C-alpha atoms as a PDB file:
ATOM      1  CA  MET A   1       0.275  -0.177  -0.122  1.00  0.00           C
ATOM      2  CA  SER A   2       1.403   3.190  -1.019  1.00  0.00           C
ATOM      3  CA  GLU A   3       0.817   6.279   0.915  1.00  0.00           C
ATOM      4  CA  GLU A   4      -0.522   9.379  -0.514  1.00  0.00           C
ATOM      5  CA  SER A   5       0.741  13.115   0.495  1.00  0.00           C
ATOM      6  CA  HIS A   6      -2.314  15.356   1.020  1.00  0.00           C
ATOM      7  CA  GLN A   7      -0.424  18.758   1.480  1.00  0.00           C
ATOM      8  CA  ILE A   8      -1.409  21.786   0.133  1.00  0.00           C
ATOM      9  CA  PRO A   9       1.227  23.589  -1.566  1.00  0.00           C
ATOM     10  CA  THR A  10       3.312  26.339  -0.032  1.00  0.00           C
ATOM     11  CA  GLU A  11       2.362  28.949  -1.853  1.00  0.00           C
ATOM     12  CA  THR A  12      -1.299  28.938  -1.364  1.00  0.00           C
ATOM     13  CA  THR A  13      -0.554  28.607   2.455  1.00  0.00           C
ATOM     14  CA  ALA A  14       1.504  31.359   2.624  1.00  0.00           C
ATOM     15  CA  ARG A  15      -0.625  33.964   0.244  1.00  0.00           C
ATOM     16  CA  ARG A  16      -3.941  32.724   3.036  1.00  0.00           C
ATOM     17  CA  GLY A  17      -1.451  33.404   5.851  1.00  0.00           C
ATOM     18  CA  PHE A  18      -0.617  36.710   4.741  1.00  0.00           C
ATOM     19  CA  LEU A  19      -4.324  37.480   3.899  1.00  0.00           C
ATOM     20  CA  ALA A  20      -5.507  36.573   7.658  1.00  0.00           C
ATOM     21  CA  TRP A  21      -2.421  38.470   9.340  1.00  0.00           C
ATOM     22  CA  LEU A  22      -3.212  41.332   6.749  1.00  0.00           C
ATOM     23  CA  THR A  23      -7.135  41.395   7.860  1.00  0.00           C
ATOM     24  CA  VAL A  24      -6.306  41.309  11.265  1.00  0.00           C
ATOM     25  CA  GLY A  25      -3.826  44.098  10.988  1.00  0.00           C
ATOM     26  CA  LEU A  26      -6.282  46.459   9.286  1.00  0.00           C
ATOM     27  CA  THR A  27      -9.358  45.387  11.071  1.00  0.00           C
ATOM     28  CA  ALA A  28      -7.105  46.525  15.093  1.00  0.00           C
ATOM     29  CA  LEU A  29      -5.876  49.285  12.731  1.00  0.00           C
ATOM     30  CA  ILE A  30      -9.401  50.454  11.913  1.00  0.00           C
ATOM     31  CA  GLY A  31     -10.856  49.974  15.569  1.00  0.00           C
ATOM     32  CA  LEU A  32      -7.548  52.030  16.897  1.00  0.00           C
ATOM     33  CA  ALA A  33      -8.425  54.607  14.577  1.00  0.00           C
ATOM     34  CA  VAL A  34     -12.140  55.187  15.531  1.00  0.00           C
ATOM     35  CA  SER A  35     -11.577  54.713  19.444  1.00  0.00           C
ATOM     36  CA  VAL A  36      -8.937  57.748  19.314  1.00  0.00           C
ATOM     37  CA  GLY A  37     -11.907  59.860  19.424  1.00  0.00           C
ATOM     38  CA  PRO A  38     -14.795  59.040  22.112  1.00  0.00           C
ATOM     39  CA  ILE A  39     -11.364  58.363  24.265  1.00  0.00           C
ATOM     40  CA  GLY A  40     -10.345  61.920  23.744  1.00  0.00           C
ATOM     41  CA  VAL A  41     -13.428  62.690  24.558  1.00  0.00           C
ATOM     42  CA  LEU A  42     -14.299  60.485  28.004  1.00  0.00           C
ATOM     43  CA  LEU A  43     -10.369  62.049  28.865  1.00  0.00           C
ATOM     44  CA  HIS A  44     -10.256  66.035  28.233  1.00  0.00           C
ATOM     45  CA  PRO A  45     -12.634  66.674  31.513  1.00  0.00           C
ATOM     46  CA  LEU A  46      -9.868  65.007  33.938  1.00  0.00           C
ATOM     47  CA  LEU A  47      -6.725  65.630  31.296  1.00  0.00           C
ATOM     48  CA  GLY A  48      -7.691  68.648  29.873  1.00  0.00           C
ATOM     49  CA  ARG A  49      -6.623  72.843  30.641  1.00  0.00           C
ATOM     50  CA  ARG A  50      -8.772  74.692  31.695  1.00  0.00           C
ATOM     51  CA  ALA A  51      -9.373  78.548  32.397  1.00  0.00           C
ATOM     52  CA  GLY A  52      -9.339  79.031  36.048  1.00  0.00           C
ATOM     53  CA  ARG A  53      -7.603  75.969  37.584  1.00  0.00           C
ATOM     54  CA  PRO A  54      -5.929  76.577  40.656  1.00  0.00           C
ATOM     55  CA  GLY A  55      -2.523  77.724  39.988  1.00  0.00           C
ATOM     56  CA  ASP A  56      -4.349  80.632  38.299  1.00  0.00           C
ATOM     57  CA  GLY A  57      -4.078  83.297  41.413  1.00  0.00           C
ATOM     58  CA  TRP A  58      -6.186  86.178  40.188  1.00  0.00           C
ATOM     59  CA  ARG A  59      -9.987  85.922  41.421  1.00  0.00           C
ATOM     60  CA  LEU A  60     -12.585  88.240  40.950  1.00  0.00           C
ATOM     61  CA  VAL A  61     -13.734  90.108  44.574  1.00  0.00           C
ATOM     62  CA  GLY A  62     -16.601  92.278  43.175  1.00  0.00           C
ATOM     63  CA  PRO A  63     -16.972  96.065  41.586  1.00  0.00           C
ATOM     64  CA  VAL A  64     -15.457  98.519  42.844  1.00  0.00           C
ATOM     65  CA  GLY A  65     -18.139 100.534  43.822  1.00  0.00           C
ATOM     66  CA  GLN A  66     -19.055  98.487  46.395  1.00  0.00           C
ATOM     67  CA  PHE A  67     -16.373  99.157  48.702  1.00  0.00           C
ATOM     68  CA  PRO A  68     -16.845 103.000  49.927  1.00  0.00           C
ATOM     69  CA  ILE A  69     -13.670 105.034  50.042  1.00  0.00           C
ATOM     70  CA  GLY A  70     -12.159 105.172  54.246  1.00  0.00           C
ATOM     71  CA  GLY A  71     -15.240 102.772  54.877  1.00  0.00           C
ATOM     72  CA  PRO A  72     -14.547  99.777  57.272  1.00  0.00           C
ATOM     73  CA  PRO A  73     -13.147  96.582  55.976  1.00  0.00           C
ATOM     74  CA  THR A  74     -15.789  94.202  54.112  1.00  0.00           C
ATOM     75  CA  ARG A  75     -15.380  90.727  54.405  1.00  0.00           C
ATOM     76  CA  ILE A  76     -16.053  88.907  51.248  1.00  0.00           C
ATOM     77  CA  VAL A  77     -15.851  85.162  50.683  1.00  0.00           C
ATOM     78  CA  ILE A  78     -14.458  84.531  46.791  1.00  0.00           C
ATOM     79  CA  ARG A  79     -16.500  81.821  44.908  1.00  0.00           C
ATOM     80  CA  GLU A  80     -15.731  80.540  40.848  1.00  0.00           C
ATOM     81  CA  ASP A  81     -17.153  77.648  39.165  1.00  0.00           C
ATOM     82  CA  ARG A  82     -15.344  74.576  39.496  1.00  0.00           C
ATOM     83  CA  THR A  83     -15.211  71.872  37.423  1.00  0.00           C
ATOM     84  CA  ASP A  84     -13.335  68.456  38.690  1.00  0.00           C
ATOM     85  CA  GLY A  85     -13.422  65.719  36.143  1.00  0.00           C
ATOM     86  CA  TRP A  86     -17.247  65.592  34.683  1.00  0.00           C
ATOM     87  CA  LEU A  87     -18.591  67.112  37.678  1.00  0.00           C
ATOM     88  CA  SER A  88     -19.814  71.002  37.888  1.00  0.00           C
ATOM     89  CA  ARG A  89     -19.866  72.819  40.696  1.00  0.00           C
ATOM     90  CA  PRO A  90     -20.593  76.637  40.426  1.00  0.00           C
ATOM     91  CA  GLY A  91     -20.536  79.050  43.470  1.00  0.00           C
ATOM     92  CA  THR A  92     -17.416  77.154  44.985  1.00  0.00           C
ATOM     93  CA  PRO A  93     -16.124  78.675  47.860  1.00  0.00           C
ATOM     94  CA  VAL A  94     -12.257  79.789  47.083  1.00  0.00           C
ATOM     95  CA  GLY A  95     -11.263  81.455  49.982  1.00  0.00           C
ATOM     96  CA  PRO A  96     -11.851  84.922  52.728  1.00  0.00           C
ATOM     97  CA  VAL A  97     -10.794  88.112  51.501  1.00  0.00           C
ATOM     98  CA  VAL A  98     -10.681  91.264  53.480  1.00  0.00           C
ATOM     99  CA  VAL A  99     -10.902  94.372  51.785  1.00  0.00           C
ATOM    100  CA  GLN A 100     -10.763  98.176  52.607  1.00  0.00           C
ATOM    101  CA  ARG A 101     -10.639 101.221  49.977  1.00  0.00           C
ATOM    102  CA  LEU A 102      -8.388 103.601  50.992  1.00  0.00           C
ATOM    103  CA  SER A 103      -9.113 106.468  48.454  1.00  0.00           C
ATOM    104  CA  GLU A 104     -10.202 106.552  44.696  1.00  0.00           C
ATOM    105  CA  ASP A 105      -7.367 104.104  43.003  1.00  0.00           C
ATOM    106  CA  ALA A 106      -5.961 102.547  47.000  1.00  0.00           C
ATOM    107  CA  PHE A 107      -7.110  99.180  48.469  1.00  0.00           C
ATOM    108  CA  ARG A 108      -5.886  97.190  51.454  1.00  0.00           C
ATOM    109  CA  VAL A 109      -6.231  93.508  50.995  1.00  0.00           C
ATOM    110  CA  PHE A 110      -5.980  91.141  53.497  1.00  0.00           C
ATOM    111  CA  SER A 111      -6.165  86.600  53.435  1.00  0.00           C
ATOM    112  CA  GLY A 112      -9.044  86.257  55.701  1.00  0.00           C
ATOM    113  CA  ILE A 113      -7.533  83.610  57.140  1.00  0.00           C
ATOM    114  CA  CYS A 114      -5.543  83.599  60.525  1.00  0.00           C
ATOM    115  CA  PRO A 115      -1.829  83.075  60.303  1.00  0.00           C
ATOM    116  CA  HIS A 116      -2.325  81.047  63.758  1.00  0.00           C
ATOM    117  CA  LEU A 117      -4.025  78.161  63.052  1.00  0.00           C
ATOM    118  CA  GLY A 118      -5.779  78.995  60.001  1.00  0.00           C
ATOM    119  CA  CYS A 119      -9.312  80.475  61.444  1.00  0.00           C
ATOM    120  CA  SER A 120     -11.530  82.436  59.851  1.00  0.00           C
ATOM    121  CA  VAL A 121     -10.807  86.608  61.019  1.00  0.00           C
ATOM    122  CA  GLY A 122     -13.595  88.119  61.084  1.00  0.00           C
ATOM    123  CA  VAL A 123     -14.164  92.318  61.022  1.00  0.00           C
ATOM    124  CA  GLN A 124     -15.437  93.984  63.859  1.00  0.00           C
ATOM    125  CA  ASN A 125     -16.405  97.707  64.545  1.00  0.00           C
ATOM    126  CA  GLY A 126     -14.128 100.089  65.657  1.00  0.00           C
ATOM    127  CA  GLU A 127     -10.430  99.430  66.523  1.00  0.00           C
ATOM    128  CA  PRO A 128      -8.830  96.843  66.307  1.00  0.00           C
ATOM    129  CA  PRO A 129     -11.004  96.181  63.553  1.00  0.00           C
ATOM    130  CA  TYR A 130      -9.493  92.511  62.966  1.00  0.00           C
ATOM    131  CA  LEU A 131     -10.602  89.684  65.539  1.00  0.00           C
ATOM    132  CA  CYS A 132      -9.740  85.762  65.117  1.00  0.00           C
ATOM    133  CA  PRO A 133     -12.784  83.937  67.556  1.00  0.00           C
ATOM    134  CA  CYS A 134     -10.453  80.875  67.716  1.00  0.00           C
ATOM    135  CA  HIS A 135      -7.741  82.029  70.127  1.00  0.00           C
ATOM    136  CA  ARG A 136      -8.600  85.594  70.545  1.00  0.00           C
ATOM    137  CA  SER A 137      -5.871  87.206  68.481  1.00  0.00           C
ATOM    138  CA  ARG A 138      -6.629  90.761  67.153  1.00  0.00           C
ATOM    139  CA  PHE A 139      -4.944  92.837  64.297  1.00  0.00           C
ATOM    140  CA  THR A 140      -4.912  96.385  63.371  1.00  0.00           C
ATOM    141  CA  ALA A 141      -5.861  97.791  60.257  1.00  0.00           C
ATOM    142  CA  MET A 142      -2.487  97.216  58.874  1.00  0.00           C
ATOM    143  CA  GLY A 143      -2.801  93.573  59.686  1.00  0.00           C
ATOM    144  CA  VAL A 144      -0.107  93.676  62.487  1.00  0.00           C
ATOM    145  CA  PRO A 145      -0.852  91.357  65.422  1.00  0.00           C
ATOM    146  CA  LEU A 146      -2.074  93.178  69.342  1.00  0.00           C
ATOM    147  CA  ASP A 147      -1.757  91.336  72.643  1.00  0.00           C
ATOM    148  CA  THR A 148      -5.228  89.072  72.692  1.00  0.00           C
ATOM    149  CA  THR A 149      -8.894  90.202  74.539  1.00  0.00           C
ATOM    150  CA  ASP A 150      -7.502  88.748  77.880  1.00  0.00           C
ATOM    151  CA  GLY A 151      -4.284  91.082  77.571  1.00  0.00           C
ATOM    152  CA  GLU A 152      -2.349  87.706  76.534  1.00  0.00           C
ATOM    153  CA  PRO A 153       0.655  87.513  73.654  1.00  0.00           C
ATOM    154  CA  ASN A 154      -1.262  87.203  70.243  1.00  0.00           C
ATOM    155  CA  PRO A 155      -0.027  83.706  69.718  1.00  0.00           C
ATOM    156  CA  ALA A 156      -0.402  84.259  65.763  1.00  0.00           C
ATOM    157  CA  PRO A 157       3.516  84.017  64.686  1.00  0.00           C
ATOM    158  CA  ARG A 158       3.313  86.440  61.860  1.00  0.00           C
ATOM    159  CA  PRO A 159       0.488  89.549  60.483  1.00  0.00           C
ATOM    160  CA  LEU A 160      -2.190  88.967  58.126  1.00  0.00           C
ATOM    161  CA  ASP A 161      -1.410  87.742  55.289  1.00  0.00           C
ATOM    162  CA  GLN A 162      -1.573  91.052  52.540  1.00  0.00           C
ATOM    163  CA  LEU A 163      -2.498  89.808  49.309  1.00  0.00           C
ATOM    164  CA  GLU A 164      -1.760  91.689  45.711  1.00  0.00           C
ATOM    165  CA  TRP A 165      -4.675  93.098  43.922  1.00  0.00           C
ATOM    166  CA  ARG A 166      -5.326  95.362  40.401  1.00  0.00           C
ATOM    167  CA  VAL A 167      -8.632  96.643  39.017  1.00  0.00           C
ATOM    168  CA  GLU A 168      -9.515  95.933  35.925  1.00  0.00           C
ATOM    169  CA  ARG A 169     -12.763  97.123  33.964  1.00  0.00           C
ATOM    170  CA  GLY A 170     -14.079  98.987  37.615  1.00  0.00           C
ATOM    171  CA  LYS A 171     -13.251  94.906  39.305  1.00  0.00           C
ATOM    172  CA  LEU A 172     -11.082  94.338  41.981  1.00  0.00           C
ATOM    173  CA  ASN A 173      -9.144  90.973  41.718  1.00  0.00           C
ATOM    174  CA  VAL A 174      -7.330  89.460  44.073  1.00  0.00           C
ATOM    175  CA  ASN A 175      -4.090  87.316  43.368  1.00  0.00           C
ATOM    176  CA  TRP A 176      -5.425  84.407  46.312  1.00  0.00           C
ATOM    177  CA  VAL A 177      -2.660  82.610  47.784  1.00  0.00           C
ATOM    178  CA  ARG A 178      -3.404  80.028  51.046  1.00  0.00           C
ATOM    179  CA  TYR A 179      -0.487  80.476  53.335  1.00  0.00           C
ATOM    180  CA  ARG A 180       0.691  77.704  55.517  1.00  0.00           C
ATOM    181  CA  PRO A 181      -0.822  78.791  59.085  1.00  0.00           C
ATOM    182  CA  GLY A 182       1.683  78.666  62.530  1.00  0.00           C
ATOM    183  CA  THR A 183       5.173  79.296  60.173  1.00  0.00           C
ATOM    184  CA  ALA A 184       6.804  82.985  61.108  1.00  0.00           C
ATOM    185  CA  ASP A 185       7.247  83.130  57.097  1.00  0.00           C
ATOM    186  CA  GLN A 186       4.676  82.981  54.349  1.00  0.00           C
ATOM    187  CA  VAL A 187       5.177  79.580  52.841  1.00  0.00           C
ATOM    188  CA  PRO A 188       2.293  78.980  50.109  1.00  0.00           C
ATOM    189  CA  ILE A 189       0.305  76.160  50.425  1.00  0.00           C
ATOM    190  CA  ALA A 190      -1.662  74.439  47.044  1.00  0.00           C
END
């Protein structure tokens, strides 16, 4: 009995293998090309750069007209619309500032955060205008620490943090910076 060889010719096998790999490769390439757009849309809120991100610093406080010349200090909480991933949060508090208008084109702006432990500084009528209720720290109109209401030394390690300001189109803006509380030096924190 003789054995017959039933092998397919090599040329046909090579062509079929090549066509199979070509089909798989083209399918993968088309699938990748089609998925780039939707993946980019999904990842943009996480990876895209947006205006008003925390590193920008300058924040709108309000119209200049709301601060009377020579009037008492006004405490305002800066707010902004924030987007975190896909979540939008309108009116999110950024931080408090204390504003006093000195003249037509001059302001004194302090952070409303006490340099002692980071409590919120309040504004009161009379002298001294700034008071931190946490440890009864008091500050002059220039932000200089005074003895506490009990006559004890002020626990704040430095004066109130003064912030840069500018007026653009009749609106007061401040360069918002949060400083580390409890240190003698102004150390910005993110």
